[in-house]
Every structure is written in C-alpha cells, then in structure tokens.
C-alpha cells in the first residue's frame, strides 16, 4: 500500500506554492533526501523535524523500552510539531512519516490548524477508492 511519504507530492500540489509541507519522522538523521526524492518530493517546499529529541519516543520506539507513557509521547509529538511550526512560517500541511504517531493526528490538527496525514490516510484513500459509491440519479432513468 505504501508509506505516508508517497502522499507528499499530492499534498505539495494541493497547498499554496508559498506553503511548505512539514514531515515529522522518527529520527531526522534516518530520513534521507534519497527517500524523499524516490517518491517525487519537491525538496524546496518540504521541512523535516525528527522525534529524536522526545525522550519517551527514544526510550520506547527507538530503543524498544517497555510501558509506553502515552501522555509523554503525545506531549513530545506536539512539542516537535510546535518546533516545526516555529521554524517554518508558512506550514500548509503535515505528514507523519512514523506510524507510531498516527494516534495523535487529531491533537496535531488542533494544535496546528492544518491538514495532517499519516499511514492511516493512505489506507483510507485506498479504502475510499474501493468503496465506489455511485452518484445519486437526479432524473428518472428512461
């Protein structure tokens, strides 16, 4: 099905040319230019912020520690998004590259007031395409 990164070119084409698409990744040092270029990302209008400064993310996700503190991870995710927003003045949308952050999508929409996409968004896109609801008939069929 794919990665949420595959949505970036579509989102870049959908926001104003003056806006930047932000990406929150598990670790900014691990998401390379090659990864982004492989899915067609315009590198001039994308900004990356990593979760490597969130102690709870590092402890549980990167280092495989036990007993996730959901509130601490939520706070760290929101802090990461706030840093990105402070650094990027015209943020038009946000991509959550790390599937572990999908739980906080609505929190991020509330904080940033912009569309937020993740791997669940990719699944929802495919599911909607398979649902194939027809348009209502406006006139009787003859």
N, C-alpha and C. Protein backbone atom coordinates (compact mmCIF):
# COMPACT_ATOMS: atom_id res chain seq x y z
N UNK A 1 0.83 -1.19 0.00
CA UNK A 1 0.00 0.00 0.00
C UNK A 1 0.87 1.24 0.00
N UNK A 2 1.92 1.28 0.76
CA UNK A 2 2.81 2.42 0.68
C UNK A 2 3.02 3.15 1.99
N UNK A 3 3.85 4.14 1.88
CA UNK A 3 4.23 4.98 3.00
C UNK A 3 3.49 6.31 2.92
N UNK A 4 3.34 6.95 4.06
CA UNK A 4 2.73 8.29 4.05
C UNK A 4 3.58 9.27 3.25
N UNK A 5 4.86 8.97 3.08
CA UNK A 5 5.72 9.84 2.27
C UNK A 5 5.22 9.93 0.83
N UNK A 6 4.56 8.87 0.34
CA UNK A 6 4.05 8.88 -1.03
C UNK A 6 2.96 9.93 -1.23
N UNK A 7 2.37 10.43 -0.16
CA UNK A 7 1.34 11.47 -0.26
C UNK A 7 1.93 12.87 -0.47
N UNK A 8 3.21 13.05 -0.17
CA UNK A 8 3.78 14.40 -0.17
C UNK A 8 3.62 15.11 -1.52
N UNK A 9 3.94 14.48 -2.67
CA UNK A 9 3.77 15.22 -3.93
C UNK A 9 2.32 15.68 -4.16
N UNK A 10 1.35 14.84 -3.81
CA UNK A 10 -0.06 15.23 -3.94
C UNK A 10 -0.39 16.40 -3.03
N UNK A 11 0.09 16.35 -1.79
CA UNK A 11 -0.17 17.43 -0.84
C UNK A 11 0.55 18.70 -1.28
N UNK A 12 1.78 18.58 -1.77
CA UNK A 12 2.51 19.76 -2.25
C UNK A 12 1.76 20.42 -3.40
N UNK A 13 1.14 19.62 -4.26
CA UNK A 13 0.38 20.19 -5.38
C UNK A 13 -0.93 20.81 -4.92
N UNK A 14 -1.39 20.45 -3.73
CA UNK A 14 -2.68 20.91 -3.23
C UNK A 14 -2.61 22.16 -2.37
N UNK A 15 -1.47 22.43 -1.76
CA UNK A 15 -1.33 23.63 -0.94
C UNK A 15 -0.81 24.78 -1.79
N UNK A 16 -0.87 25.97 -1.27
CA UNK A 16 -0.36 27.14 -1.98
C UNK A 16 1.13 26.97 -2.26
N UNK A 17 1.61 27.46 -3.41
CA UNK A 17 3.04 27.39 -3.69
C UNK A 17 3.90 28.09 -2.64
N UNK A 18 3.32 29.00 -1.89
CA UNK A 18 4.06 29.71 -0.84
C UNK A 18 4.15 28.89 0.45
N UNK A 19 3.43 27.76 0.49
CA UNK A 19 3.41 26.96 1.71
C UNK A 19 4.38 25.78 1.64
N UNK A 20 4.78 25.34 2.81
CA UNK A 20 5.68 24.21 2.96
C UNK A 20 4.91 23.04 3.57
N UNK A 21 5.25 21.84 3.13
CA UNK A 21 4.70 20.63 3.74
C UNK A 21 5.72 20.15 4.77
N UNK A 22 5.27 20.01 6.00
CA UNK A 22 6.13 19.52 7.07
C UNK A 22 6.05 18.02 7.18
N UNK A 23 7.15 17.42 7.62
CA UNK A 23 7.21 15.98 7.85
C UNK A 23 7.78 15.76 9.25
N UNK A 24 7.05 15.02 10.07
CA UNK A 24 7.60 14.58 11.34
C UNK A 24 7.98 13.11 11.17
N UNK A 25 9.24 12.82 11.43
CA UNK A 25 9.78 11.48 11.27
C UNK A 25 10.34 10.99 12.60
N UNK A 26 10.55 9.70 12.70
CA UNK A 26 11.08 9.14 13.93
C UNK A 26 12.44 9.70 14.30
N UNK A 27 13.29 9.87 13.31
CA UNK A 27 14.63 10.43 13.55
C UNK A 27 15.05 11.14 12.27
N UNK A 28 15.27 12.42 12.35
CA UNK A 28 15.58 13.20 11.14
C UNK A 28 16.87 12.74 10.48
N UNK A 29 17.76 12.13 11.22
CA UNK A 29 19.00 11.63 10.64
C UNK A 29 18.82 10.38 9.79
N UNK A 30 17.68 9.72 9.93
CA UNK A 30 17.44 8.49 9.18
C UNK A 30 16.59 8.69 7.93
N UNK A 31 15.95 9.84 7.80
CA UNK A 31 15.13 10.12 6.62
C UNK A 31 15.98 10.94 5.66
N UNK A 32 16.42 10.30 4.59
CA UNK A 32 17.36 10.95 3.68
C UNK A 32 16.66 11.65 2.52
N UNK A 33 17.41 12.50 1.88
CA UNK A 33 16.96 13.16 0.65
C UNK A 33 16.57 12.10 -0.39
N UNK A 34 17.33 11.02 -0.45
CA UNK A 34 17.05 9.95 -1.41
C UNK A 34 15.67 9.33 -1.18
N UNK A 35 15.28 9.14 0.09
CA UNK A 35 13.94 8.61 0.39
C UNK A 35 12.86 9.53 -0.19
N UNK A 36 13.04 10.82 0.02
CA UNK A 36 12.03 11.79 -0.42
C UNK A 36 12.01 11.94 -1.93
N UNK A 37 13.18 12.00 -2.54
CA UNK A 37 13.24 12.12 -4.00
C UNK A 37 12.67 10.88 -4.68
N UNK A 38 12.81 9.72 -4.05
CA UNK A 38 12.30 8.47 -4.63
C UNK A 38 10.78 8.47 -4.80
N UNK A 39 10.08 9.26 -3.98
CA UNK A 39 8.62 9.35 -4.12
C UNK A 39 8.18 10.65 -4.79
N UNK A 40 9.14 11.41 -5.33
CA UNK A 40 8.81 12.60 -6.11
C UNK A 40 8.61 13.87 -5.33
N UNK A 41 9.20 13.97 -4.15
CA UNK A 41 9.04 15.17 -3.31
C UNK A 41 9.84 16.34 -3.88
N UNK A 42 9.21 17.51 -3.94
CA UNK A 42 9.91 18.75 -4.28
C UNK A 42 10.63 19.21 -3.02
N UNK A 43 11.94 19.09 -3.02
CA UNK A 43 12.74 19.36 -1.82
C UNK A 43 12.73 20.83 -1.41
N UNK A 44 12.31 21.71 -2.31
CA UNK A 44 12.28 23.14 -1.99
C UNK A 44 11.12 23.52 -1.08
N UNK A 45 10.10 22.67 -1.02
CA UNK A 45 8.92 23.03 -0.22
C UNK A 45 8.54 21.95 0.79
N UNK A 46 9.58 21.36 1.40
CA UNK A 46 9.36 20.36 2.45
C UNK A 46 10.31 20.67 3.60
N UNK A 47 9.83 20.46 4.82
CA UNK A 47 10.65 20.68 6.02
C UNK A 47 10.50 19.46 6.93
N UNK A 48 11.62 18.97 7.42
CA UNK A 48 11.66 17.75 8.24
C UNK A 48 11.94 18.10 9.69
N UNK A 49 11.24 17.44 10.59
CA UNK A 49 11.52 17.55 12.02
C UNK A 49 11.46 16.14 12.60
N UNK A 50 12.45 15.77 13.38
CA UNK A 50 12.52 14.43 13.93
C UNK A 50 12.08 14.36 15.38
N UNK A 51 11.74 13.16 15.80
CA UNK A 51 11.31 12.89 17.18
C UNK A 51 12.48 12.52 18.08
N UNK A 52 13.70 12.63 17.60
CA UNK A 52 14.86 12.20 18.39
C UNK A 52 15.08 13.02 19.65
N UNK A 53 14.41 14.17 19.78
CA UNK A 53 14.52 14.98 21.00
C UNK A 53 13.43 14.66 22.02
N UNK A 54 12.54 13.75 21.69
CA UNK A 54 11.47 13.33 22.62
C UNK A 54 11.96 12.10 23.38
N UNK A 55 12.22 12.27 24.66
CA UNK A 55 12.78 11.18 25.47
C UNK A 55 11.91 9.93 25.45
N UNK A 56 10.59 10.09 25.51
CA UNK A 56 9.70 8.92 25.54
C UNK A 56 9.73 8.19 24.20
N UNK A 57 9.80 8.92 23.10
CA UNK A 57 9.88 8.29 21.79
C UNK A 57 11.18 7.49 21.68
N UNK A 58 12.28 8.10 22.07
CA UNK A 58 13.57 7.42 22.00
C UNK A 58 13.56 6.18 22.90
N UNK A 59 13.05 6.33 24.10
CA UNK A 59 13.05 5.22 25.06
C UNK A 59 12.25 4.02 24.56
N UNK A 60 11.05 4.28 24.04
CA UNK A 60 10.15 3.18 23.68
C UNK A 60 10.27 2.77 22.22
N UNK A 61 10.23 3.72 21.30
CA UNK A 61 10.19 3.38 19.88
C UNK A 61 11.59 3.05 19.35
N UNK A 62 12.54 3.92 19.59
CA UNK A 62 13.88 3.69 19.04
C UNK A 62 14.62 2.60 19.83
N UNK A 63 14.55 2.66 21.16
CA UNK A 63 15.30 1.70 21.98
C UNK A 63 14.49 0.48 22.41
N UNK A 64 13.20 0.43 22.08
CA UNK A 64 12.39 -0.74 22.38
C UNK A 64 12.06 -0.92 23.85
N UNK A 65 12.00 0.17 24.60
CA UNK A 65 11.69 0.08 26.03
C UNK A 65 10.25 -0.30 26.29
N UNK A 66 9.95 -0.74 27.52
CA UNK A 66 8.59 -1.17 27.87
C UNK A 66 7.71 -0.02 28.36
N UNK A 67 6.43 -0.32 28.45
CA UNK A 67 5.46 0.53 29.14
C UNK A 67 5.43 1.98 28.64
N UNK A 68 4.92 2.13 27.44
CA UNK A 68 4.79 3.46 26.84
C UNK A 68 3.94 4.38 27.72
N UNK A 69 4.43 5.58 27.93
CA UNK A 69 3.66 6.63 28.59
C UNK A 69 3.02 7.46 27.46
N UNK A 70 1.76 7.19 27.18
CA UNK A 70 1.08 7.82 26.05
C UNK A 70 1.05 9.34 26.19
N UNK A 71 0.81 9.83 27.39
CA UNK A 71 0.76 11.28 27.60
C UNK A 71 2.11 11.93 27.31
N UNK A 72 3.19 11.28 27.70
CA UNK A 72 4.53 11.81 27.42
C UNK A 72 4.83 11.80 25.93
N UNK A 73 4.40 10.73 25.24
CA UNK A 73 4.63 10.68 23.79
C UNK A 73 3.78 11.72 23.08
N UNK A 74 2.53 11.90 23.52
CA UNK A 74 1.67 12.94 22.94
C UNK A 74 2.31 14.32 23.12
N UNK A 75 2.77 14.61 24.33
CA UNK A 75 3.40 15.91 24.61
C UNK A 75 4.65 16.09 23.76
N UNK A 76 5.45 15.05 23.61
CA UNK A 76 6.65 15.15 22.79
C UNK A 76 6.34 15.35 21.32
N UNK A 77 5.28 14.70 20.85
CA UNK A 77 4.86 14.86 19.46
C UNK A 77 4.37 16.29 19.21
N UNK A 78 3.58 16.82 20.13
CA UNK A 78 3.10 18.20 20.00
C UNK A 78 4.25 19.20 20.09
N UNK A 79 5.21 18.94 20.95
CA UNK A 79 6.40 19.81 21.05
C UNK A 79 7.18 19.81 19.74
N UNK A 80 7.31 18.63 19.14
CA UNK A 80 8.02 18.51 17.86
C UNK A 80 7.30 19.31 16.78
N UNK A 81 5.98 19.20 16.74
CA UNK A 81 5.19 19.95 15.76
C UNK A 81 5.30 21.45 16.00
N UNK A 82 5.32 21.86 17.26
CA UNK A 82 5.45 23.29 17.59
C UNK A 82 6.82 23.82 17.14
N UNK A 83 7.87 23.02 17.31
CA UNK A 83 9.20 23.42 16.82
C UNK A 83 9.20 23.59 15.31
N UNK A 84 8.55 22.66 14.63
CA UNK A 84 8.47 22.74 13.17
C UNK A 84 7.72 24.00 12.74
N UNK A 85 6.60 24.26 13.40
CA UNK A 85 5.81 25.46 13.06
C UNK A 85 6.60 26.74 13.33
N UNK A 86 7.37 26.76 14.39
CA UNK A 86 8.18 27.94 14.71
C UNK A 86 9.26 28.16 13.65
N UNK A 87 9.81 27.07 13.15
CA UNK A 87 10.89 27.14 12.15
C UNK A 87 10.36 27.46 10.75
N UNK A 88 9.15 27.00 10.45
CA UNK A 88 8.56 27.15 9.11
C UNK A 88 7.35 28.07 9.21
N UNK A 89 7.46 29.26 8.66
CA UNK A 89 6.39 30.25 8.84
C UNK A 89 5.11 29.94 8.06
N UNK A 90 5.22 29.28 6.93
CA UNK A 90 4.03 29.03 6.10
C UNK A 90 3.81 27.53 5.94
N UNK A 91 3.49 26.88 7.04
CA UNK A 91 3.24 25.44 7.02
C UNK A 91 1.83 25.18 6.50
N UNK A 92 1.72 24.42 5.41
CA UNK A 92 0.42 24.19 4.79
C UNK A 92 -0.22 22.86 5.12
N UNK A 93 0.60 21.87 5.47
CA UNK A 93 0.11 20.54 5.81
C UNK A 93 1.24 19.80 6.52
N UNK A 94 0.87 18.73 7.20
CA UNK A 94 1.85 17.94 7.94
C UNK A 94 1.70 16.47 7.59
N UNK A 95 2.81 15.81 7.37
CA UNK A 95 2.86 14.37 7.13
C UNK A 95 3.53 13.72 8.33
N UNK A 96 2.90 12.70 8.88
CA UNK A 96 3.52 11.91 9.94
C UNK A 96 4.14 10.68 9.28
N UNK A 97 5.44 10.70 9.14
CA UNK A 97 6.14 9.58 8.49
C UNK A 97 6.13 8.35 9.38
N UNK A 98 6.21 8.55 10.67
CA UNK A 98 6.30 7.45 11.62
C UNK A 98 4.90 6.94 11.98
N UNK A 99 4.59 5.67 11.70
CA UNK A 99 3.26 5.14 12.01
C UNK A 99 2.90 5.21 13.50
N UNK A 100 3.90 5.24 14.37
CA UNK A 100 3.65 5.31 15.81
C UNK A 100 2.99 6.62 16.23
N UNK A 101 2.99 7.61 15.37
CA UNK A 101 2.45 8.93 15.71
C UNK A 101 1.02 9.13 15.22
N UNK A 102 0.48 8.18 14.46
CA UNK A 102 -0.86 8.33 13.88
C UNK A 102 -1.93 8.58 14.93
N UNK A 103 -1.75 8.04 16.11
CA UNK A 103 -2.70 8.22 17.21
C UNK A 103 -2.93 9.69 17.55
N UNK A 104 -1.95 10.52 17.26
CA UNK A 104 -2.00 11.93 17.68
C UNK A 104 -2.41 12.88 16.55
N UNK A 105 -2.94 12.32 15.47
CA UNK A 105 -3.32 13.15 14.32
C UNK A 105 -4.30 14.24 14.70
N UNK A 106 -5.35 13.91 15.44
CA UNK A 106 -6.34 14.94 15.79
C UNK A 106 -5.76 15.98 16.75
N UNK A 107 -4.86 15.57 17.64
CA UNK A 107 -4.19 16.53 18.52
C UNK A 107 -3.37 17.53 17.70
N UNK A 108 -2.73 17.03 16.66
CA UNK A 108 -1.89 17.88 15.81
C UNK A 108 -2.74 18.83 14.97
N UNK A 109 -3.87 18.35 14.47
CA UNK A 109 -4.78 19.24 13.74
C UNK A 109 -5.24 20.36 14.67
N UNK A 110 -5.57 20.01 15.91
CA UNK A 110 -5.99 21.02 16.88
C UNK A 110 -4.90 22.04 17.18
N UNK A 111 -3.67 21.59 17.27
CA UNK A 111 -2.55 22.48 17.56
C UNK A 111 -2.21 23.38 16.38
N UNK A 112 -2.11 22.77 15.20
CA UNK A 112 -1.60 23.49 14.03
C UNK A 112 -2.69 24.13 13.17
N UNK A 113 -3.89 23.57 13.18
CA UNK A 113 -4.96 24.09 12.34
C UNK A 113 -4.74 23.85 10.86
N UNK A 114 -4.01 22.80 10.53
CA UNK A 114 -3.75 22.44 9.13
C UNK A 114 -4.04 20.95 8.95
N UNK A 115 -4.18 20.49 7.70
CA UNK A 115 -4.39 19.06 7.47
C UNK A 115 -3.16 18.25 7.92
N UNK A 116 -3.43 17.09 8.52
CA UNK A 116 -2.37 16.18 8.96
C UNK A 116 -2.65 14.81 8.35
N UNK A 117 -1.63 14.24 7.73
CA UNK A 117 -1.75 12.96 7.04
C UNK A 117 -0.76 11.96 7.62
N UNK A 118 -1.13 10.67 7.54
CA UNK A 118 -0.27 9.61 8.06
C UNK A 118 -0.55 8.34 7.28
N UNK A 119 -0.01 7.22 7.75
CA UNK A 119 -0.21 5.96 7.04
C UNK A 119 -1.69 5.55 7.04
N UNK A 120 -2.44 5.96 8.04
CA UNK A 120 -3.88 5.68 8.06
C UNK A 120 -4.56 6.44 6.92
N UNK A 121 -4.09 7.64 6.61
CA UNK A 121 -4.63 8.41 5.49
C UNK A 121 -4.44 7.66 4.18
N UNK A 122 -3.30 6.99 4.03
CA UNK A 122 -3.04 6.20 2.82
C UNK A 122 -4.05 5.06 2.75
N UNK A 123 -4.27 4.36 3.86
CA UNK A 123 -5.24 3.26 3.89
C UNK A 123 -6.65 3.77 3.60
N UNK A 124 -7.00 4.92 4.17
CA UNK A 124 -8.33 5.49 3.94
C UNK A 124 -8.52 5.87 2.48
N UNK A 125 -7.47 6.35 1.84
CA UNK A 125 -7.54 6.70 0.42
C UNK A 125 -7.85 5.47 -0.42
N UNK A 126 -7.13 4.38 -0.15
CA UNK A 126 -7.37 3.14 -0.89
C UNK A 126 -8.75 2.57 -0.59
N UNK A 127 -9.16 2.60 0.66
CA UNK A 127 -10.48 2.08 1.04
C UNK A 127 -11.59 2.88 0.35
N UNK A 128 -11.44 4.19 0.29
CA UNK A 128 -12.45 5.03 -0.37
C UNK A 128 -12.52 4.72 -1.86
N UNK A 129 -11.37 4.43 -2.47
CA UNK A 129 -11.35 4.11 -3.90
C UNK A 129 -12.02 2.77 -4.18
N UNK A 130 -12.00 1.87 -3.23
CA UNK A 130 -12.63 0.56 -3.40
C UNK A 130 -14.12 0.58 -3.09
N UNK A 131 -14.57 1.56 -2.34
CA UNK A 131 -15.97 1.63 -1.93
C UNK A 131 -16.88 1.93 -3.12
N UNK A 132 -16.45 2.78 -4.01
CA UNK A 132 -17.13 3.08 -5.27
C UNK A 132 -18.63 3.35 -5.13
N UNK A 133 -18.97 4.33 -4.35
CA UNK A 133 -20.37 4.73 -4.26
C UNK A 133 -20.73 5.53 -5.50
N UNK A 134 -21.90 5.25 -6.06
CA UNK A 134 -22.34 5.97 -7.24
C UNK A 134 -22.94 7.32 -6.88
N UNK A 135 -23.08 8.15 -7.88
CA UNK A 135 -23.74 9.43 -7.69
C UNK A 135 -25.24 9.22 -7.72
N UNK A 136 -26.00 9.99 -6.95
CA UNK A 136 -27.46 9.82 -6.97
C UNK A 136 -28.02 10.23 -8.33
N UNK A 137 -29.05 9.52 -8.73
CA UNK A 137 -29.71 9.87 -10.00
C UNK A 137 -30.60 11.09 -9.77
N UNK A 138 -30.40 12.10 -10.61
CA UNK A 138 -31.21 13.30 -10.49
C UNK A 138 -32.48 13.21 -11.34
N UNK A 139 -32.43 12.39 -12.36
CA UNK A 139 -33.57 12.26 -13.26
C UNK A 139 -33.92 10.78 -13.39
N UNK A 140 -35.18 10.48 -13.59
CA UNK A 140 -35.58 9.08 -13.77
C UNK A 140 -34.89 8.47 -14.98
N UNK A 141 -34.51 7.23 -14.85
CA UNK A 141 -33.87 6.52 -15.96
C UNK A 141 -34.93 6.14 -16.98
N UNK A 142 -34.67 6.35 -18.25
CA UNK A 142 -35.64 6.02 -19.30
C UNK A 142 -35.22 4.82 -20.06
